[in-house]
């Protein structure tokens, strides 16, 4: 329905835990649509959380389709009130974020995850993901908890100036 502006650090909405969406109504479905539209309007974007468009609610979209580092790929996944069910493994890899457009960082994350939430139609969704898709899901979950990838880097030596932002 609408491509919304992406908020950037230091906007306070990015540093506070988001509240639950609760019952899925027309406003929740519009939020889901806006997340998808805004993600798709942003080249190279593989995920977007509601706080990144200035809405402090627990919802995000992820789509790693066609990404060279993806193994699992569930297509466009919108999760409302998601929760991390389980995780395993560990890997350090580079991340970027539309809300921190000038920096990237090496972030340790689990390599396999199970995340549960609700789809915009209210049905329960369970996503089992690995590799890059697992990383994308965890990155968006962090946004819902008021964290950025910069909060997870092991130190200043793991933060880099982004060369090109598209």
Foldseek 3Di string as FASTA:
>chain_A
DDAAQFAAPPDVLQQAAAAAPPDQDPVNLVLQVNQVVNQVVFPPRFKDASVRRVHRYGKMWGACPPPPFFDDGPGIDIFGPKDWDDFAAKDWDKDDDPRHQFKIFTFIDTFWTWMWGAGSVGHIDIDTGGTPRRVRVVQRVCSNRSDHRVVGHPDPVGMDTDPDGD
